[in-house]
């Protein structure tokens, strides 16, 4: 049975022990692993591996010994409780083995959990699970997590549902970092807020968020847009040390100022303009950029965009003379000074 993404959260959080199993596949191994871990923890409990109720096989092991799958399904554990067989790195070459095991599944057998890389719609392995009414096939894609998925992660970490500003900050964070980093950040927040009855704030989310190149680029562009001239040089040095090219900083600057210009040009004002952007801007970053757009105004933002486009064209031309980093740094300093007028 093909499992739709909108229904996946309920199945992963409350697996039906009467089902034969699930295939979880996708290009991002980390996202696949998180969903597999969630399913197994909710199906078997936290101590299944220590209690020998979980049999682990690789695709290579199963190819050498196809009978190991059904043997694992029917193996008797030393401890009571549900059992499962997890096969990692499953491939189309094992489709017949899985189809046979799913067909032979009986109440009381251990469930089958298979994880795989990206699979096409014509995949034999996918068809084996999709054709079986007692099994699921779940494709995992690189889409940002939904609000329901973020709420489920908060519940897992033991964090009360936050107020809207903190929720927006968490949504923005979840869309900008890998899922494993997001989970680790929530665990850090849970420790930080232990025995603290005050609601989680957007500022606390930002403090706990992992440092990334994108965050440093944002810090640089905010400094430029807010007229913080002295911050421009040190932030550029940091980004250069991380290997970020000057042309990349210029491109990101163009994107940032185009967003500000679109917001400032809205008849309803900068805040209304930010709300109409696609893709949307979330959380504290949205409020901050709305203030920047309002402070700059449409006319000065057009001047800034013209300067950014001119430098971008020079950086991309074959006959450039000045060092790229120096050209971009001078540009950003001029823009920061223009904002300060």
C-alpha atoms as a PDB file:
ATOM      1  CA  UNK A   1       0.000   0.000   0.000  1.00  0.00           C
ATOM      2  CA  UNK A   2       1.424   3.358  -1.021  1.00  0.00           C
ATOM      3  CA  UNK A   3       1.555   5.686   1.982  1.00  0.00           C
ATOM      4  CA  UNK A   4       0.905   9.345   1.206  1.00  0.00           C
ATOM      5  CA  UNK A   5       3.162  11.902   2.978  1.00  0.00           C
ATOM      6  CA  UNK A   6       0.116  13.502   4.674  1.00  0.00           C
ATOM      7  CA  UNK A   7      -0.718  10.169   6.321  1.00  0.00           C
ATOM      8  CA  UNK A   8       2.864   9.166   7.138  1.00  0.00           C
ATOM      9  CA  UNK A   9       3.125  10.959  10.490  1.00  0.00           C
ATOM     10  CA  UNK A  10       0.185   9.045  11.975  1.00  0.00           C
ATOM     11  CA  UNK A  11       1.518   5.674  10.788  1.00  0.00           C
ATOM     12  CA  UNK A  12       5.047   6.367  12.053  1.00  0.00           C
ATOM     13  CA  UNK A  13       3.837   7.532  15.461  1.00  0.00           C
ATOM     14  CA  UNK A  14       1.252   4.770  15.937  1.00  0.00           C
ATOM     15  CA  UNK A  15       2.293   1.704  13.924  1.00  0.00           C
ATOM     16  CA  UNK A  16      -0.301  -1.041  13.579  1.00  0.00           C
ATOM     17  CA  UNK A  17       1.289  -4.267  14.944  1.00  0.00           C
ATOM     18  CA  UNK A  18      -1.017  -6.291  12.692  1.00  0.00           C
ATOM     19  CA  UNK A  19       0.666  -4.849   9.563  1.00  0.00           C
ATOM     20  CA  UNK A  20       3.348  -6.895   7.847  1.00  0.00           C
ATOM     21  CA  UNK A  21       5.790  -4.014   7.596  1.00  0.00           C
ATOM     22  CA  UNK A  22       6.981  -0.925   5.782  1.00  0.00           C
ATOM     23  CA  UNK A  23       9.441   0.119   3.072  1.00  0.00           C
ATOM     24  CA  UNK A  24      10.994   3.558   3.646  1.00  0.00           C
ATOM     25  CA  UNK A  25      13.018   4.898   0.732  1.00  0.00           C
ATOM     26  CA  UNK A  26      14.546   8.186  -0.378  1.00  0.00           C
ATOM     27  CA  UNK A  27      17.659   9.953  -1.645  1.00  0.00           C
ATOM     28  CA  UNK A  28      18.466  11.519   1.744  1.00  0.00           C
ATOM     29  CA  UNK A  29      19.724   8.716   3.992  1.00  0.00           C
ATOM     30  CA  UNK A  30      19.398  10.886   7.108  1.00  0.00           C
ATOM     31  CA  UNK A  31      15.706  11.617   6.516  1.00  0.00           C
ATOM     32  CA  UNK A  32      15.056   7.935   5.821  1.00  0.00           C
ATOM     33  CA  UNK A  33      16.893   6.956   9.024  1.00  0.00           C
ATOM     34  CA  UNK A  34      14.857   9.371  11.158  1.00  0.00           C
ATOM     35  CA  UNK A  35      11.561   7.947   9.907  1.00  0.00           C
ATOM     36  CA  UNK A  36      12.807   4.379  10.328  1.00  0.00           C
ATOM     37  CA  UNK A  37      13.929   5.129  13.884  1.00  0.00           C
ATOM     38  CA  UNK A  38      10.588   6.763  14.710  1.00  0.00           C
ATOM     39  CA  UNK A  39       8.653   3.781  13.360  1.00  0.00           C
ATOM     40  CA  UNK A  40      10.756   1.196  15.205  1.00  0.00           C
ATOM     41  CA  UNK A  41      10.759   3.070  18.513  1.00  0.00           C
ATOM     42  CA  UNK A  42       6.982   3.408  18.435  1.00  0.00           C
ATOM     43  CA  UNK A  43       6.422  -0.185  17.285  1.00  0.00           C
ATOM     44  CA  UNK A  44       8.907  -1.978  19.551  1.00  0.00           C
ATOM     45  CA  UNK A  45       9.659   0.454  22.366  1.00  0.00           C
ATOM     46  CA  UNK A  46      13.027   1.956  23.311  1.00  0.00           C
ATOM     47  CA  UNK A  47      14.880  -1.220  24.379  1.00  0.00           C
ATOM     48  CA  UNK A  48      14.067  -3.636  21.550  1.00  0.00           C
ATOM     49  CA  UNK A  49      17.657  -4.147  20.424  1.00  0.00           C
ATOM     50  CA  UNK A  50      18.938  -4.826  23.957  1.00  0.00           C
ATOM     51  CA  UNK A  51      16.071  -7.268  24.477  1.00  0.00           C
ATOM     52  CA  UNK A  52      16.903  -8.986  21.172  1.00  0.00           C
ATOM     53  CA  UNK A  53      13.501  -8.244  19.648  1.00  0.00           C
ATOM     54  CA  UNK A  54      15.044  -6.548  16.604  1.00  0.00           C
ATOM     55  CA  UNK A  55      16.934  -8.511  13.943  1.00  0.00           C
ATOM     56  CA  UNK A  56      19.193  -6.414  11.705  1.00  0.00           C
ATOM     57  CA  UNK A  57      20.194  -7.521   8.214  1.00  0.00           C
ATOM     58  CA  UNK A  58      21.891  -5.809   5.308  1.00  0.00           C
ATOM     59  CA  UNK A  59      20.821  -6.242   1.722  1.00  0.00           C
ATOM     60  CA  UNK A  60      24.064  -8.098   1.003  1.00  0.00           C
ATOM     61  CA  UNK A  61      23.432 -10.546   3.863  1.00  0.00           C
ATOM     62  CA  UNK A  62      19.907 -11.198   2.638  1.00  0.00           C
ATOM     63  CA  UNK A  63      21.123 -11.864  -0.896  1.00  0.00           C
ATOM     64  CA  UNK A  64      23.489 -14.510   0.439  1.00  0.00           C
ATOM     65  CA  UNK A  65      20.795 -16.068   2.636  1.00  0.00           C
ATOM     66  CA  UNK A  66      17.241 -15.240   1.452  1.00  0.00           C
ATOM     67  CA  UNK A  67      15.728 -17.485   4.174  1.00  0.00           C
ATOM     68  CA  UNK A  68      17.114 -15.151   6.876  1.00  0.00           C
ATOM     69  CA  UNK A  69      14.200 -12.759   6.410  1.00  0.00           C
ATOM     70  CA  UNK A  70      11.441 -15.229   7.277  1.00  0.00           C
ATOM     71  CA  UNK A  71      13.654 -16.827   9.944  1.00  0.00           C
ATOM     72  CA  UNK A  72      13.938 -13.407  11.585  1.00  0.00           C
ATOM     73  CA  UNK A  73      10.178 -12.864  11.330  1.00  0.00           C
ATOM     74  CA  UNK A  74       9.503 -16.048  13.276  1.00  0.00           C
ATOM     75  CA  UNK A  75      12.454 -16.017  15.682  1.00  0.00           C
ATOM     76  CA  UNK A  76      11.453 -16.283  19.342  1.00  0.00           C
ATOM     77  CA  UNK A  77      12.900 -13.568  21.562  1.00  0.00           C
ATOM     78  CA  UNK A  78      14.148 -13.927  25.129  1.00  0.00           C
ATOM     79  CA  UNK A  79      11.849 -11.098  26.222  1.00  0.00           C
ATOM     80  CA  UNK A  80       8.125 -10.595  25.570  1.00  0.00           C
ATOM     81  CA  UNK A  81       6.931  -7.936  23.194  1.00  0.00           C
ATOM     82  CA  UNK A  82       6.610  -7.218  19.477  1.00  0.00           C
ATOM     83  CA  UNK A  83       9.480  -8.120  17.156  1.00  0.00           C
ATOM     84  CA  UNK A  84      10.770  -6.834  13.838  1.00  0.00           C
ATOM     85  CA  UNK A  85      13.349  -7.505  11.130  1.00  0.00           C
ATOM     86  CA  UNK A  86      15.108  -4.456   9.711  1.00  0.00           C
ATOM     87  CA  UNK A  87      16.825  -4.804   6.321  1.00  0.00           C
ATOM     88  CA  UNK A  88      18.960  -1.824   5.333  1.00  0.00           C
ATOM     89  CA  UNK A  89      20.228  -1.087   1.826  1.00  0.00           C
ATOM     90  CA  UNK A  90      17.400  -3.066   0.230  1.00  0.00           C
ATOM     91  CA  UNK A  91      17.389  -3.154  -3.568  1.00  0.00           C
ATOM     92  CA  UNK A  92      15.202  -4.301  -6.457  1.00  0.00           C
ATOM     93  CA  UNK A  93      17.153  -7.545  -6.594  1.00  0.00           C
ATOM     94  CA  UNK A  94      15.505  -8.525  -3.299  1.00  0.00           C
ATOM     95  CA  UNK A  95      11.946  -7.734  -4.428  1.00  0.00           C
ATOM     96  CA  UNK A  96      10.959 -11.403  -4.811  1.00  0.00           C
ATOM     97  CA  UNK A  97      12.350 -12.241  -1.353  1.00  0.00           C
ATOM     98  CA  UNK A  98      10.338  -9.452   0.264  1.00  0.00           C
ATOM     99  CA  UNK A  99       7.192 -10.288  -1.726  1.00  0.00           C
ATOM    100  CA  UNK A 100       7.391 -13.911  -0.563  1.00  0.00           C
ATOM    101  CA  UNK A 101       7.922 -12.880   3.075  1.00  0.00           C
ATOM    102  CA  UNK A 102       5.046 -10.391   2.994  1.00  0.00           C
ATOM    103  CA  UNK A 103       2.753 -13.039   1.506  1.00  0.00           C
ATOM    104  CA  UNK A 104       3.783 -15.501   4.237  1.00  0.00           C
ATOM    105  CA  UNK A 105       3.264 -13.020   7.104  1.00  0.00           C
ATOM    106  CA  UNK A 106       1.007 -14.301   9.897  1.00  0.00           C
ATOM    107  CA  UNK A 107      -0.320 -12.607  13.065  1.00  0.00           C
ATOM    108  CA  UNK A 108       2.376 -12.839  15.716  1.00  0.00           C
ATOM    109  CA  UNK A 109       5.262 -12.681  13.224  1.00  0.00           C
ATOM    110  CA  UNK A 110       7.842  -9.936  13.455  1.00  0.00           C
ATOM    111  CA  UNK A 111       7.229  -6.934  11.212  1.00  0.00           C
ATOM    112  CA  UNK A 112       9.443  -6.263   8.175  1.00  0.00           C
ATOM    113  CA  UNK A 113      11.141  -2.858   7.934  1.00  0.00           C
ATOM    114  CA  UNK A 114      13.136  -2.223   4.770  1.00  0.00           C
ATOM    115  CA  UNK A 115      15.098   0.951   4.036  1.00  0.00           C
ATOM    116  CA  UNK A 116      16.400   1.851   0.599  1.00  0.00           C
ATOM    117  CA  UNK A 117      17.838   4.669  -1.471  1.00  0.00           C
ATOM    118  CA  UNK A 118      15.735   6.532  -4.030  1.00  0.00           C
ATOM    119  CA  UNK A 119      13.486   4.199  -6.033  1.00  0.00           C
ATOM    120  CA  UNK A 120      11.698   4.873  -9.314  1.00  0.00           C
ATOM    121  CA  UNK A 121       7.972   4.302  -9.733  1.00  0.00           C
ATOM    122  CA  UNK A 122       8.821   1.206 -11.775  1.00  0.00           C
ATOM    123  CA  UNK A 123      10.902  -0.271  -8.936  1.00  0.00           C
ATOM    124  CA  UNK A 124      10.106  -3.922  -8.257  1.00  0.00           C
ATOM    125  CA  UNK A 125      10.803  -3.421  -4.552  1.00  0.00           C
ATOM    126  CA  UNK A 126       8.318  -0.560  -4.352  1.00  0.00           C
ATOM    127  CA  UNK A 127       5.712  -2.601  -6.205  1.00  0.00           C
ATOM    128  CA  UNK A 128       6.176  -5.534  -3.802  1.00  0.00           C
ATOM    129  CA  UNK A 129       5.248  -3.360  -0.808  1.00  0.00           C
ATOM    130  CA  UNK A 130       2.652  -1.216  -2.604  1.00  0.00           C
ATOM    131  CA  UNK A 131       0.823  -4.313  -3.870  1.00  0.00           C
ATOM    132  CA  UNK A 132       0.586  -5.869  -0.402  1.00  0.00           C
ATOM    133  CA  UNK A 133      -2.485  -4.634   1.511  1.00  0.00           C
ATOM    134  CA  UNK A 134      -0.869  -5.297   4.886  1.00  0.00           C
ATOM    135  CA  UNK A 135       2.348  -3.358   4.140  1.00  0.00           C
ATOM    136  CA  UNK A 136       3.281   0.264   3.500  1.00  0.00           C
ATOM    137  CA  UNK A 137       5.653   1.932   1.045  1.00  0.00           C
ATOM    138  CA  UNK A 138       6.738   5.433   2.097  1.00  0.00           C
ATOM    139  CA  UNK A 139       8.782   7.742  -0.117  1.00  0.00           C
ATOM    140  CA  UNK A 140      10.848  10.363   1.722  1.00  0.00           C
ATOM    141  CA  UNK A 141      11.604  13.580  -0.141  1.00  0.00           C
ATOM    142  CA  UNK A 142      13.636  16.717   0.581  1.00  0.00           C
ATOM    143  CA  UNK A 143      10.612  18.926   1.285  1.00  0.00           C
ATOM    144  CA  UNK A 144      10.787  21.120   4.412  1.00  0.00           C
ATOM    145  CA  UNK A 145       8.964  19.544   7.360  1.00  0.00           C
ATOM    146  CA  UNK A 146       5.327  20.469   7.868  1.00  0.00           C
ATOM    147  CA  UNK A 147       4.022  22.199  10.979  1.00  0.00           C
ATOM    148  CA  UNK A 148       2.594  18.870  12.155  1.00  0.00           C
ATOM    149  CA  UNK A 149       5.993  17.201  11.790  1.00  0.00           C
ATOM    150  CA  UNK A 150       7.698  19.990  13.732  1.00  0.00           C
ATOM    151  CA  UNK A 151       5.048  19.695  16.461  1.00  0.00           C
ATOM    152  CA  UNK A 152       5.698  15.935  16.630  1.00  0.00           C
ATOM    153  CA  UNK A 153       9.433  16.572  17.019  1.00  0.00           C
ATOM    154  CA  UNK A 154       8.719  19.050  19.827  1.00  0.00           C
ATOM    155  CA  UNK A 155       6.607  16.426  21.571  1.00  0.00           C
ATOM    156  CA  UNK A 156       9.387  13.857  21.173  1.00  0.00           C
ATOM    157  CA  UNK A 157      11.890  16.250  22.759  1.00  0.00           C
ATOM    158  CA  UNK A 158       9.497  17.083  25.602  1.00  0.00           C
ATOM    159  CA  UNK A 159       9.138  20.751  24.639  1.00  0.00           C
ATOM    160  CA  UNK A 160       5.682  22.359  25.128  1.00  0.00           C
ATOM    161  CA  UNK A 161       4.119  23.809  21.993  1.00  0.00           C
ATOM    162  CA  UNK A 162       5.592  27.333  21.755  1.00  0.00           C
ATOM    163  CA  UNK A 163       4.011  30.691  21.072  1.00  0.00           C
ATOM    164  CA  UNK A 164       3.602  31.838  17.439  1.00  0.00           C
ATOM    165  CA  UNK A 165       6.890  33.768  17.146  1.00  0.00           C
ATOM    166  CA  UNK A 166       8.934  30.841  18.463  1.00  0.00           C
ATOM    167  CA  UNK A 167       6.930  28.407  16.302  1.00  0.00           C
ATOM    168  CA  UNK A 168       7.746  30.488  13.209  1.00  0.00           C
ATOM    169  CA  UNK A 169      11.435  30.537  14.197  1.00  0.00           C
ATOM    170  CA  UNK A 170      11.407  26.748  14.556  1.00  0.00           C
ATOM    171  CA  UNK A 171       9.727  26.346  11.167  1.00  0.00           C
ATOM    172  CA  UNK A 172      12.378  28.569   9.586  1.00  0.00           C
ATOM    173  CA  UNK A 173      15.135  26.591  11.305  1.00  0.00           C
ATOM    174  CA  UNK A 174      13.662  23.246  10.232  1.00  0.00           C
ATOM    175  CA  UNK A 175      13.610  24.440   6.621  1.00  0.00           C
ATOM    176  CA  UNK A 176      17.240  25.617   6.689  1.00  0.00           C
ATOM    177  CA  UNK A 177      19.186  22.828   8.457  1.00  0.00           C
ATOM    178  CA  UNK A 178      19.431  19.044   7.949  1.00  0.00           C
ATOM    179  CA  UNK A 179      16.829  17.041   9.899  1.00  0.00           C
ATOM    180  CA  UNK A 180      19.461  15.497  12.169  1.00  0.00           C
ATOM    181  CA  UNK A 181      20.764  18.942  13.134  1.00  0.00           C
ATOM    182  CA  UNK A 182      17.197  20.073  13.801  1.00  0.00           C
ATOM    183  CA  UNK A 183      16.625  17.127  16.155  1.00  0.00           C
ATOM    184  CA  UNK A 184      19.863  17.869  18.001  1.00  0.00           C
ATOM    185  CA  UNK A 185      18.856  21.514  18.323  1.00  0.00           C
ATOM    186  CA  UNK A 186      15.516  20.517  19.867  1.00  0.00           C
ATOM    187  CA  UNK A 187      17.314  18.254  22.347  1.00  0.00           C
ATOM    188  CA  UNK A 188      19.582  21.191  23.237  1.00  0.00           C
ATOM    189  CA  UNK A 189      16.544  23.455  23.696  1.00  0.00           C
ATOM    190  CA  UNK A 190      14.906  20.839  25.936  1.00  0.00           C
ATOM    191  CA  UNK A 191      17.962  20.846  28.223  1.00  0.00           C
ATOM    192  CA  UNK A 192      18.187  24.639  28.129  1.00  0.00           C
ATOM    193  CA  UNK A 193      14.517  25.014  29.124  1.00  0.00           C
ATOM    194  CA  UNK A 194      14.596  22.269  31.777  1.00  0.00           C
ATOM    195  CA  UNK A 195      12.737  23.529  34.870  1.00  0.00           C
ATOM    196  CA  UNK A 196      12.180  26.883  33.132  1.00  0.00           C
ATOM    197  CA  UNK A 197       8.420  27.602  33.106  1.00  0.00           C
ATOM    198  CA  UNK A 198       8.745  30.621  30.794  1.00  0.00           C
ATOM    199  CA  UNK A 199       7.532  30.050  27.213  1.00  0.00           C
ATOM    200  CA  UNK A 200      10.155  29.380  24.556  1.00  0.00           C
ATOM    201  CA  UNK A 201      11.014  32.560  22.612  1.00  0.00           C
ATOM    202  CA  UNK A 202      12.261  33.150  19.081  1.00  0.00           C
ATOM    203  CA  UNK A 203      15.473  34.633  20.510  1.00  0.00           C
ATOM    204  CA  UNK A 204      16.164  31.417  22.441  1.00  0.00           C
ATOM    205  CA  UNK A 205      15.640  29.376  19.265  1.00  0.00           C
ATOM    206  CA  UNK A 206      18.204  31.554  17.487  1.00  0.00           C
ATOM    207  CA  UNK A 207      20.711  31.131  20.336  1.00  0.00           C
ATOM    208  CA  UNK A 208      20.390  27.343  20.219  1.00  0.00           C
ATOM    209  CA  UNK A 209      20.449  27.080  16.409  1.00  0.00           C
ATOM    210  CA  UNK A 210      23.570  25.507  14.869  1.00  0.00           C
ATOM    211  CA  UNK A 211      26.049  27.857  13.265  1.00  0.00           C
ATOM    212  CA  UNK A 212      25.941  27.561   9.468  1.00  0.00           C
ATOM    213  CA  UNK A 213      27.427  29.387   6.507  1.00  0.00           C
ATOM    214  CA  UNK A 214      23.921  30.589   5.591  1.00  0.00           C
ATOM    215  CA  UNK A 215      23.540  32.085   9.069  1.00  0.00           C
ATOM    216  CA  UNK A 216      26.854  33.953   8.682  1.00  0.00           C
ATOM    217  CA  UNK A 217      25.811  35.239   5.242  1.00  0.00           C
ATOM    218  CA  UNK A 218      22.528  36.415   6.761  1.00  0.00           C
ATOM    219  CA  UNK A 219      24.451  38.186   9.543  1.00  0.00           C
ATOM    220  CA  UNK A 220      26.574  39.986   6.925  1.00  0.00           C
ATOM    221  CA  UNK A 221      23.578  41.072   4.852  1.00  0.00           C
ATOM    222  CA  UNK A 222      21.662  42.232   7.919  1.00  0.00           C
ATOM    223  CA  UNK A 223      24.699  44.305   8.927  1.00  0.00           C
ATOM    224  CA  UNK A 224      24.781  45.904   5.466  1.00  0.00           C
ATOM    225  CA  UNK A 225      21.028  46.553   5.393  1.00  0.00           C
ATOM    226  CA  UNK A 226      21.072  48.040   8.912  1.00  0.00           C
ATOM    227  CA  UNK A 227      24.050  50.340   8.345  1.00  0.00           C
ATOM    228  CA  UNK A 228      26.470  48.496  10.664  1.00  0.00           C
ATOM    229  CA  UNK A 229      29.587  49.573   8.746  1.00  0.00           C
ATOM    230  CA  UNK A 230      32.099  48.255  11.292  1.00  0.00           C
ATOM    231  CA  UNK A 231      30.633  44.739  11.162  1.00  0.00           C
ATOM    232  CA  UNK A 232      31.035  44.297   7.403  1.00  0.00           C
ATOM    233  CA  UNK A 233      34.800  43.633   7.280  1.00  0.00           C
ATOM    234  CA  UNK A 234      34.989  41.063  10.133  1.00  0.00           C
ATOM    235  CA  UNK A 235      31.955  39.171   8.830  1.00  0.00           C
ATOM    236  CA  UNK A 236      33.438  39.009   5.342  1.00  0.00           C
ATOM    237  CA  UNK A 237      36.738  37.691   6.773  1.00  0.00           C
ATOM    238  CA  UNK A 238      34.809  34.943   8.554  1.00  0.00           C
ATOM    239  CA  UNK A 239      32.979  33.913   5.394  1.00  0.00           C
ATOM    240  CA  UNK A 240      36.164  33.980   3.315  1.00  0.00           C
ATOM    241  CA  UNK A 241      37.747  31.692   5.916  1.00  0.00           C
ATOM    242  CA  UNK A 242      34.843  29.277   5.384  1.00  0.00           C
ATOM    243  CA  UNK A 243      35.504  29.248   1.645  1.00  0.00           C
ATOM    244  CA  UNK A 244      32.547  31.398   0.555  1.00  0.00           C
ATOM    245  CA  UNK A 245      33.385  33.151  -2.735  1.00  0.00           C
ATOM    246  CA  UNK A 246      32.951  36.909  -3.097  1.00  0.00           C
ATOM    247  CA  UNK A 247      30.658  36.424  -6.100  1.00  0.00           C
ATOM    248  CA  UNK A 248      28.430  34.209  -3.913  1.00  0.00           C
ATOM    249  CA  UNK A 249      28.177  36.983  -1.306  1.00  0.00           C
ATOM    250  CA  UNK A 250      27.246  39.434  -4.054  1.00  0.00           C
ATOM    251  CA  UNK A 251      24.555  37.105  -5.404  1.00  0.00           C
ATOM    252  CA  UNK A 252      23.129  36.604  -1.907  1.00  0.00           C
ATOM    253  CA  UNK A 253      23.194  40.386  -1.425  1.00  0.00           C
ATOM    254  CA  UNK A 254      21.216  40.840  -4.632  1.00  0.00           C
ATOM    255  CA  UNK A 255      18.645  38.320  -3.444  1.00  0.00           C
ATOM    256  CA  UNK A 256      18.347  39.997  -0.038  1.00  0.00           C
ATOM    257  CA  UNK A 257      17.879  43.501  -1.470  1.00  0.00           C
ATOM    258  CA  UNK A 258      15.406  42.288  -4.096  1.00  0.00           C
ATOM    259  CA  UNK A 259      13.277  40.900  -1.264  1.00  0.00           C
ATOM    260  CA  UNK A 260      13.505  44.247   0.524  1.00  0.00           C
ATOM    261  CA  UNK A 261      12.587  46.098  -2.681  1.00  0.00           C
ATOM    262  CA  UNK A 262       9.564  43.853  -3.317  1.00  0.00           C
ATOM    263  CA  UNK A 263       8.361  44.439   0.247  1.00  0.00           C
ATOM    264  CA  UNK A 264       8.961  48.197   0.141  1.00  0.00           C
ATOM    265  CA  UNK A 265       7.076  48.474  -3.189  1.00  0.00           C
ATOM    266  CA  UNK A 266       3.877  46.931  -1.810  1.00  0.00           C
ATOM    267  CA  UNK A 267       1.008  49.471  -1.536  1.00  0.00           C
ATOM    268  CA  UNK A 268       0.089  48.025   1.861  1.00  0.00           C
ATOM    269  CA  UNK A 269       3.530  48.667   3.332  1.00  0.00           C
ATOM    270  CA  UNK A 270       6.642  46.599   3.975  1.00  0.00           C
ATOM    271  CA  UNK A 271       5.027  44.240   6.485  1.00  0.00           C
ATOM    272  CA  UNK A 272       2.209  43.405   4.060  1.00  0.00           C
ATOM    273  CA  UNK A 273       4.737  43.008   1.262  1.00  0.00           C
ATOM    274  CA  UNK A 274       6.778  40.510   3.273  1.00  0.00           C
ATOM    275  CA  UNK A 275       3.625  38.478   3.828  1.00  0.00           C
ATOM    276  CA  UNK A 276       3.094  38.107   0.067  1.00  0.00           C
ATOM    277  CA  UNK A 277       6.566  36.799  -0.761  1.00  0.00           C
ATOM    278  CA  UNK A 278       6.975  33.367  -2.349  1.00  0.00           C
ATOM    279  CA  UNK A 279       8.764  31.439  -1.021  1.00  0.00           C
ATOM    280  CA  UNK A 280       7.718  32.948   2.314  1.00  0.00           C
ATOM    281  CA  UNK A 281      10.100  34.368   4.921  1.00  0.00           C
ATOM    282  CA  UNK A 282       9.424  33.086   8.448  1.00  0.00           C
ATOM    283  CA  UNK A 283       9.875  34.176  12.023  1.00  0.00           C
ATOM    284  CA  UNK A 284      12.110  36.944  13.380  1.00  0.00           C
ATOM    285  CA  UNK A 285      13.894  37.206  10.012  1.00  0.00           C
ATOM    286  CA  UNK A 286      10.635  38.316   8.412  1.00  0.00           C
ATOM    287  CA  UNK A 287      10.056  41.095  10.976  1.00  0.00           C
ATOM    288  CA  UNK A 288      13.680  42.203  10.742  1.00  0.00           C
ATOM    289  CA  UNK A 289      13.612  42.400   6.953  1.00  0.00           C
ATOM    290  CA  UNK A 290      10.294  44.243   7.034  1.00  0.00           C
ATOM    291  CA  UNK A 291      11.918  46.908   9.226  1.00  0.00           C
ATOM    292  CA  UNK A 292      14.883  47.089   6.841  1.00  0.00           C
ATOM    293  CA  UNK A 293      12.590  47.532   3.818  1.00  0.00           C
ATOM    294  CA  UNK A 294      10.656  50.264   5.591  1.00  0.00           C
ATOM    295  CA  UNK A 295      13.828  52.085   6.678  1.00  0.00           C
ATOM    296  CA  UNK A 296      15.413  51.996   3.217  1.00  0.00           C
ATOM    297  CA  UNK A 297      12.381  52.888   1.156  1.00  0.00           C
ATOM    298  CA  UNK A 298      11.809  51.942  -2.464  1.00  0.00           C
ATOM    299  CA  UNK A 299      14.006  54.668  -4.037  1.00  0.00           C
ATOM    300  CA  UNK A 300      17.154  53.939  -2.040  1.00  0.00           C
ATOM    301  CA  UNK A 301      16.648  50.199  -2.507  1.00  0.00           C
ATOM    302  CA  UNK A 302      16.608  50.735  -6.274  1.00  0.00           C
ATOM    303  CA  UNK A 303      19.934  52.577  -5.959  1.00  0.00           C
ATOM    304  CA  UNK A 304      21.330  49.687  -3.906  1.00  0.00           C
ATOM    305  CA  UNK A 305      20.153  47.127  -6.456  1.00  0.00           C
ATOM    306  CA  UNK A 306      21.763  49.086  -9.287  1.00  0.00           C
ATOM    307  CA  UNK A 307      25.107  49.084  -7.432  1.00  0.00           C
ATOM    308  CA  UNK A 308      24.841  45.352  -6.696  1.00  0.00           C
ATOM    309  CA  UNK A 309      24.043  44.518 -10.334  1.00  0.00           C
ATOM    310  CA  UNK A 310      26.978  46.609 -11.593  1.00  0.00           C
ATOM    311  CA  UNK A 311      29.463  44.871  -9.285  1.00  0.00           C
ATOM    312  CA  UNK A 312      27.958  41.454 -10.103  1.00  0.00           C
ATOM    313  CA  UNK A 313      28.482  42.112 -13.827  1.00  0.00           C
ATOM    314  CA  UNK A 314      32.092  43.159 -13.206  1.00  0.00           C
ATOM    315  CA  UNK A 315      32.764  40.015 -11.157  1.00  0.00           C
ATOM    316  CA  UNK A 316      31.397  37.836 -13.962  1.00  0.00           C
ATOM    317  CA  UNK A 317      33.275  39.641 -16.756  1.00  0.00           C
ATOM    318  CA  UNK A 318      36.481  38.267 -18.244  1.00  0.00           C
ATOM    319  CA  UNK A 319      38.358  41.568 -17.977  1.00  0.00           C
ATOM    320  CA  UNK A 320      37.969  42.283 -14.261  1.00  0.00           C
ATOM    321  CA  UNK A 321      41.014  43.893 -12.575  1.00  0.00           C
ATOM    322  CA  UNK A 322      40.244  44.541  -8.888  1.00  0.00           C
ATOM    323  CA  UNK A 323      40.302  41.584  -6.449  1.00  0.00           C
ATOM    324  CA  UNK A 324      36.811  40.136  -6.056  1.00  0.00           C
ATOM    325  CA  UNK A 325      36.696  40.210  -2.242  1.00  0.00           C
ATOM    326  CA  UNK A 326      37.885  43.843  -2.113  1.00  0.00           C
ATOM    327  CA  UNK A 327      35.267  44.892  -4.691  1.00  0.00           C
ATOM    328  CA  UNK A 328      32.427  43.253  -2.753  1.00  0.00           C
ATOM    329  CA  UNK A 329      33.646  44.593   0.589  1.00  0.00           C
ATOM    330  CA  UNK A 330      33.784  48.166  -0.776  1.00  0.00           C
ATOM    331  CA  UNK A 331      30.302  47.705  -2.226  1.00  0.00           C
ATOM    332  CA  UNK A 332      28.835  46.461   1.061  1.00  0.00           C
ATOM    333  CA  UNK A 333      30.500  49.274   3.016  1.00  0.00           C
ATOM    334  CA  UNK A 334      29.066  51.857   0.575  1.00  0.00           C
ATOM    335  CA  UNK A 335      25.619  50.321   0.949  1.00  0.00           C
ATOM    336  CA  UNK A 336      25.871  50.287   4.743  1.00  0.00           C
ATOM    337  CA  UNK A 337      26.873  53.961   4.664  1.00  0.00           C
ATOM    338  CA  UNK A 338      23.971  54.746   2.290  1.00  0.00           C
ATOM    339  CA  UNK A 339      21.605  53.161   4.824  1.00  0.00           C
ATOM    340  CA  UNK A 340      23.105  55.344   7.569  1.00  0.00           C
ATOM    341  CA  UNK A 341      22.284  58.595   5.809  1.00  0.00           C
END
